[in-house]
Protein backbone atom coordinates (compact mmCIF):
# COMPACT_ATOMS: atom_id res chain seq x y z
CA MET A 1 -18.13 -0.32 10.98
CA VAL A 2 -19.86 0.20 7.61
CA LYS A 3 -22.74 2.04 9.26
CA THR A 4 -20.31 4.45 10.93
CA SER A 5 -18.67 5.24 7.59
CA PHE A 6 -22.02 6.06 5.97
CA THR A 7 -23.36 8.11 8.88
CA PRO A 8 -24.48 11.58 7.66
CA ARG A 9 -22.11 14.27 8.89
CA PRO A 10 -22.17 18.07 8.75
CA ASP A 11 -19.90 20.20 6.54
CA ASN A 12 -19.38 17.49 3.90
CA ARG A 13 -17.33 15.39 6.31
CA ARG A 14 -18.80 12.12 5.01
CA ALA A 15 -17.79 13.12 1.46
CA ILE A 16 -14.26 13.93 2.64
CA ILE A 17 -14.00 10.56 4.39
CA TRP A 18 -15.14 8.58 1.35
CA LEU A 19 -13.07 10.54 -1.15
CA THR A 20 -10.00 9.86 0.97
CA LEU A 21 -10.79 6.21 1.63
CA SER A 22 -11.54 5.61 -2.04
CA GLY A 23 -8.19 7.12 -2.98
CA LEU A 24 -6.32 4.99 -0.44
CA VAL A 25 -7.99 1.74 -1.51
CA LEU A 26 -7.69 2.41 -5.25
CA SER A 27 -4.04 3.45 -5.02
CA LEU A 28 -3.16 0.30 -3.08
CA ALA A 29 -5.05 -1.88 -5.56
CA LEU A 30 -3.14 -0.24 -8.43
CA MET A 31 0.18 -0.73 -6.64
CA GLU A 32 -0.50 -4.41 -5.92
CA GLY A 33 -1.66 -5.04 -9.48
CA ASN A 34 1.37 -3.26 -10.91
CA MET A 35 3.76 -5.28 -8.76
CA THR A 36 2.26 -8.48 -10.17
CA VAL A 37 3.61 -7.89 -13.68
CA PHE A 38 6.24 -5.13 -13.40
CA PHE A 39 9.21 -7.50 -13.21
CA LEU A 40 7.90 -9.37 -16.25
CA PHE A 41 7.66 -6.02 -18.03
CA THR A 42 11.26 -5.01 -17.22
CA ARG A 43 12.56 -8.43 -18.22
CA ALA A 44 10.69 -8.41 -21.53
CA LYS A 45 11.40 -4.79 -22.52
CA PHE A 46 14.85 -4.16 -21.04
CA GLY A 47 16.19 -7.67 -20.53
CA TRP A 48 16.60 -7.16 -16.78
CA THR A 49 17.68 -9.97 -14.51
CA ILE A 50 16.40 -10.36 -10.95
CA ARG A 51 19.59 -8.64 -9.74
CA GLU A 52 18.95 -5.50 -11.82
CA TYR A 53 15.33 -5.47 -10.76
CA THR A 54 16.28 -5.80 -7.08
CA ILE A 55 18.72 -2.87 -7.39
CA TYR A 56 15.97 -0.77 -8.95
CA GLU A 57 13.51 -1.60 -6.18
CA SER A 58 16.13 -0.87 -3.51
CA VAL A 59 16.93 2.53 -5.02
CA SER A 60 13.22 3.27 -5.28
CA LEU A 61 12.68 2.39 -1.62
CA VAL A 62 15.55 4.57 -0.40
CA VAL A 63 14.47 7.54 -2.54
CA GLN A 64 10.90 7.28 -1.27
CA MET A 65 11.94 7.04 2.37
CA VAL A 66 14.37 9.94 2.30
CA GLY A 67 12.33 12.08 -0.08
CA SER A 68 9.07 11.59 1.79
CA LEU A 69 10.58 12.52 5.15
CA LEU A 70 12.25 15.62 3.71
CA ALA A 71 9.17 16.67 1.77
CA LEU A 72 6.91 16.17 4.76
CA THR A 73 9.25 18.11 7.05
CA ILE A 74 9.65 21.02 4.66
CA LEU A 75 6.08 21.30 3.41
CA LYS A 76 4.48 20.69 6.80
CA LYS A 77 6.82 22.65 9.04
CA PHE A 78 7.83 25.60 6.89
CA PHE A 79 4.85 26.00 4.55
CA ASN A 80 2.09 24.54 6.75
CA VAL A 81 0.61 22.52 3.89
CA SER A 82 -2.56 20.68 4.95
CA ASP A 83 -2.72 16.90 5.19
CA SER A 84 -5.26 16.69 2.36
CA MET A 85 -3.00 18.67 0.03
CA LEU A 86 -0.03 16.50 1.01
CA THR A 87 -2.09 13.42 0.16
CA ALA A 88 -3.03 14.97 -3.20
CA LEU A 89 0.63 15.76 -3.89
CA ALA A 90 1.56 12.16 -3.02
CA PHE A 91 -1.01 10.82 -5.50
CA GLY A 92 0.23 13.33 -8.07
CA SER A 93 3.80 12.14 -7.52
CA ASP A 94 2.68 8.53 -7.98
CA CYS A 95 0.86 9.53 -11.18
CA LEU A 96 3.99 11.17 -12.60
CA GLN A 97 6.03 8.04 -11.88
CA ASN A 98 3.48 5.95 -13.72
CA VAL A 99 3.63 8.36 -16.67
CA ALA A 100 7.41 7.88 -16.78
CA ARG A 101 6.99 4.11 -16.65
CA THR A 102 4.42 4.20 -19.44
CA LEU A 103 6.67 6.22 -21.73
CA ALA A 104 9.95 4.53 -20.72
CA ASN A 105 12.20 3.46 -23.57
CA THR A 106 15.39 2.93 -21.55
CA PRO A 107 16.15 1.86 -17.97
CA ARG A 108 17.19 5.45 -17.29
CA ASP A 109 13.59 6.52 -17.84
CA LEU A 110 12.49 4.16 -15.06
CA TYR A 111 14.98 5.78 -12.69
CA ILE A 112 13.67 9.21 -13.69
CA GLY A 113 10.27 7.90 -12.66
CA VAL A 114 11.69 6.98 -9.27
CA GLY A 115 12.64 10.63 -8.77
CA LEU A 116 9.20 11.80 -9.86
CA GLY A 117 7.57 9.38 -7.40
CA VAL A 118 9.59 10.68 -4.46
CA MET A 119 6.51 11.60 -2.40
CA LYS A 120 4.17 8.76 -3.21
CA SER A 121 4.77 6.72 -0.04
CA ILE A 122 3.22 9.39 2.23
CA SER A 123 -0.24 8.96 0.69
CA GLY A 124 -1.12 6.24 3.21
CA PRO A 125 -0.21 8.00 6.45
CA MET A 126 -1.36 11.42 5.24
CA GLY A 127 -4.66 10.02 3.97
CA ARG A 128 -5.34 8.44 7.33
CA SER A 129 -4.44 11.72 8.98
CA VAL A 130 -7.08 13.47 6.82
CA VAL A 131 -9.70 10.98 7.96
CA SER A 132 -8.71 11.43 11.59
CA ASN A 133 -9.00 15.22 11.23
CA VAL A 134 -12.68 15.07 10.28
CA THR A 135 -13.76 12.11 12.41
CA PRO A 136 -14.52 12.00 16.15
CA GLN A 137 -11.94 10.05 18.12
CA ASP A 138 -14.40 7.34 19.16
CA GLU A 139 -15.18 6.50 15.49
CA ILE A 140 -11.70 6.52 13.96
CA GLY A 141 -11.01 2.86 14.76
CA LYS A 142 -14.13 1.66 12.95
CA ILE A 143 -13.39 3.66 9.81
CA PHE A 144 -9.74 2.58 9.76
CA SER A 145 -10.88 -1.03 10.13
CA LEU A 146 -13.09 -0.62 7.08
CA VAL A 147 -10.33 0.82 4.92
CA THR A 148 -7.94 -1.93 6.05
CA ALA A 149 -10.53 -4.57 5.15
CA LEU A 150 -11.07 -3.00 1.72
CA GLU A 151 -7.32 -2.72 1.17
CA SER A 152 -6.86 -6.39 2.07
CA ILE A 153 -9.33 -7.64 -0.54
CA SER A 154 -8.53 -5.17 -3.33
CA PRO A 155 -5.54 -7.19 -4.66
CA LEU A 156 -7.90 -10.12 -5.29
CA GLY A 157 -9.33 -8.11 -8.17
CA SER A 158 -6.40 -5.97 -9.26
CA ALA A 159 -3.79 -8.72 -9.57
CA PRO A 160 -5.79 -10.87 -12.05
CA LEU A 161 -6.86 -7.72 -13.92
CA TYR A 162 -3.29 -6.56 -14.43
CA THR A 163 -2.23 -10.05 -15.46
CA ILE A 164 -4.95 -10.12 -18.13
CA ILE A 165 -4.04 -6.64 -19.39
CA TYR A 166 -0.34 -7.48 -19.61
CA SER A 167 -0.92 -10.84 -21.28
CA ASN A 168 -3.14 -9.30 -23.96
CA THR A 169 -0.94 -6.27 -24.70
CA ILE A 170 2.61 -7.64 -24.35
CA ASP A 171 3.13 -7.81 -28.12
CA THR A 172 1.51 -4.48 -28.99
CA PHE A 173 1.80 -2.12 -26.01
CA PRO A 174 3.54 -3.77 -23.03
CA SER A 175 3.24 -0.56 -20.96
CA ALA A 176 -0.57 -0.66 -21.10
CA PHE A 177 -0.81 -1.70 -17.45
CA ASN A 178 1.31 1.33 -16.51
CA ALA A 179 -1.15 3.52 -18.43
CA VAL A 180 -3.96 2.02 -16.35
CA SER A 181 -2.03 2.92 -13.18
CA THR A 182 -1.52 6.44 -14.52
CA GLY A 183 -5.25 6.93 -15.02
CA GLY A 184 -6.09 5.43 -11.64
CA THR A 185 -3.62 7.53 -9.67
CA PHE A 186 -4.72 10.67 -11.54
CA LEU A 187 -8.28 9.89 -10.40
CA CYS A 188 -7.01 9.59 -6.80
CA PHE A 189 -5.28 12.96 -7.24
CA ILE A 190 -8.54 14.60 -8.38
CA TRP A 191 -10.48 13.05 -5.48
CA MET A 192 -8.02 14.45 -2.97
CA LEU A 193 -8.12 17.91 -4.54
CA ILE A 194 -11.90 17.83 -4.07
CA ALA A 195 -11.43 16.69 -0.47
CA TYR A 196 -8.95 19.55 0.06
CA VAL A 197 -11.50 22.10 -1.17
CA LEU A 198 -14.24 20.62 1.03
CA GLU A 199 -11.98 20.47 4.08
CA LYS A 200 -10.77 24.07 3.96
CA GLY A 201 -11.94 26.07 6.96
CA LEU A 202 -13.35 23.10 8.87
CA PRO A 203 -12.54 22.62 12.57
CA ARG A 204 -10.40 19.54 13.07
CA PHE A 205 -9.98 16.75 15.58
CA THR A 206 -6.22 17.30 15.81
CA LEU A 207 -3.93 14.29 15.58
CA ASN A 208 -0.23 14.60 14.88
CA PRO A 209 0.51 13.17 11.38
CA TRP A 210 4.01 12.20 12.48
CA LEU A 211 2.40 9.45 14.55
CA PHE A 212 1.28 7.82 11.31
CA MET A 213 4.71 8.28 9.71
CA PHE A 214 6.47 6.64 12.66
CA ALA A 215 3.98 3.78 12.58
CA TYR A 216 4.88 3.19 8.93
CA ALA A 217 8.65 3.20 9.59
CA PRO A 218 9.00 -0.56 10.34
CA VAL A 219 7.00 -1.36 7.22
CA MET A 220 9.17 0.93 5.09
CA PHE A 221 12.42 -0.63 6.32
CA SER A 222 11.31 -4.28 6.33
CA GLY A 223 9.04 -4.50 3.32
CA GLY A 224 6.00 -5.10 5.53
CA THR A 225 3.16 -7.33 4.39
CA CYS A 226 4.53 -7.53 0.85
CA ALA A 227 7.81 -9.06 2.04
CA LEU A 228 5.98 -11.37 4.44
CA ILE A 229 3.60 -12.72 1.80
CA THR A 230 6.48 -13.12 -0.67
CA GLY A 231 8.39 -15.18 1.89
CA ILE A 232 5.34 -17.33 2.58
CA PHE A 233 4.80 -18.16 -1.07
CA CYS A 234 8.51 -18.86 -1.57
CA ASN A 235 8.37 -21.33 1.31
CA VAL A 236 5.25 -23.00 -0.10
CA ASN A 237 6.98 -23.26 -3.49
CA ASP A 238 10.00 -24.94 -1.86
CA VAL A 239 8.07 -27.54 0.13
CA THR A 240 5.50 -28.59 -2.48
CA THR A 241 5.63 -30.64 -5.65
CA GLU A 242 4.52 -29.55 -9.09
CA LYS A 243 1.42 -31.69 -8.69
CA ASN A 244 0.07 -30.07 -5.50
CA ARG A 245 1.75 -26.63 -5.66
CA ALA A 246 -1.14 -24.78 -7.29
CA ILE A 247 -3.77 -25.93 -4.82
CA ARG A 248 -1.47 -25.30 -1.83
CA MET A 249 -0.76 -21.76 -3.00
CA GLY A 250 -4.46 -21.18 -3.60
CA ILE A 251 -5.28 -22.33 -0.06
CA THR A 252 -2.48 -20.17 1.35
CA GLU A 253 -3.67 -17.06 -0.46
CA GLY A 254 -7.27 -17.67 0.61
CA VAL A 255 -6.27 -18.10 4.26
CA LEU A 256 -4.08 -14.97 4.14
CA PHE A 257 -6.74 -12.65 2.82
CA ALA A 258 -9.47 -14.24 4.96
CA GLY A 259 -7.34 -13.65 8.05
CA ILE A 260 -6.68 -10.02 7.14
CA PHE A 261 -10.36 -9.43 6.42
CA VAL A 262 -11.59 -11.07 9.64
CA GLY A 263 -8.95 -9.30 11.72
CA SER A 264 -9.85 -5.92 10.23
CA ILE A 265 -13.51 -6.38 11.12
CA SER A 266 -12.99 -7.88 14.59
CA SER A 267 -10.53 -5.14 15.59
CA SER A 268 -13.25 -2.49 15.29
CA TYR A 269 -15.45 -4.36 17.77
CA ILE A 270 -12.54 -4.95 20.15
CA LEU A 271 -11.83 -1.22 20.01
CA GLN A 272 -15.48 -0.47 20.71
CA TRP A 273 -15.58 -2.80 23.72
CA THR A 274 -12.17 -1.89 25.14
CA ASN A 275 -9.65 0.72 23.97
CA SER A 276 -6.89 1.26 21.42
CA SER A 277 -4.18 -0.04 23.76
CA THR A 278 -5.93 -3.41 23.94
CA VAL A 279 -6.15 -3.60 20.13
CA PHE A 280 -2.43 -2.85 19.78
CA ALA A 281 -1.56 -5.33 22.54
CA ILE A 282 -3.53 -8.13 20.85
CA SER A 283 -1.99 -7.28 17.48
CA GLY A 284 1.53 -7.23 18.92
CA LEU A 285 0.98 -10.52 20.75
CA SER A 286 -0.35 -12.13 17.56
CA CYS A 287 2.74 -11.01 15.64
CA LEU A 288 4.98 -12.36 18.40
CA LEU A 289 3.23 -15.74 18.37
CA GLY A 290 3.55 -15.88 14.59
CA LEU A 291 7.26 -15.09 14.81
CA LEU A 292 7.82 -17.76 17.46
CA TYR A 293 5.91 -20.34 15.40
CA ILE A 294 8.00 -19.64 12.30
CA TRP A 295 11.23 -19.66 14.30
CA LEU A 296 10.52 -22.89 16.16
CA CYS A 297 8.36 -24.92 13.75
CA VAL A 298 9.13 -23.87 10.17
CA SER A 299 12.35 -25.27 8.74
CA GLU A 300 14.60 -23.20 6.47
CA THR A 301 14.26 -24.35 2.86
CA VAL A 302 17.25 -22.50 1.40
CA ASP A 303 20.87 -23.38 2.06
CA CYS A 304 22.42 -19.96 2.68
CA GLY A 305 25.86 -21.46 2.07
CA GLU A 306 25.02 -21.68 -1.63
CA PHE A 307 25.24 -17.88 -1.86
CA GLU A 308 28.51 -17.43 0.02
CA GLY A 309 31.59 -16.45 -1.92
């Protein structure tokens, strides 16, 4: 998997691959780190409650879904913008949203940032499309497994880093962590512009980018891994005591990231020995078994009747 990613390739293809992968991993690390403290920031600076924060996140999600689909349709279909340029525009959109967050003095400024970040959610699928365009079909699985593994471990560093930054700047410059995100996403934007220049004129291994967008649809509508992990930690919080909660959450987090890391690596070998359909079948079966286990063996810890009326 790692060897495949570092294999020398003609026409700067290895540079294009690593510029794109670096942008994808860094942008996800910045997003995960930002999510760690952003609610604390809105509560401290604007006095938001969880209800106001949830409304903001819901609006942001809807704007990104609708805006990304419209932008992709218009720019791809009518202007034939390349996947690398679309990825660069997505990182640029994310950077502008972080600028708005950094300079925000009122809640309205945060909502302006939502509008500026309208394209940011297509960076993932478009970035993977760029990699697929410059990589032979029999090597795509290994490279995607590497980026997934790197994405799974990146929050282990970014989350504590953002917590430290926020804790040390809350009294002087509470938006400092947003400034860090601005710099990081601007770096991703520059990397993708370089990849765009290197990719121009190269023959491609064509793969329809809409396949990646459709694959992301369930994640966009359900909250994906973020919602799953949030639910897991909420359940752990409900079933533990103050005395053993910290160690239980630590074990849970370690198991989660270890599982993602091992699965990312093993999937590349399964793909090598079999085919992509087998990988997807095993993944789907694993998700089904997990769903059945939660449904049959994990008790609900919240009385939904408390929220009625």
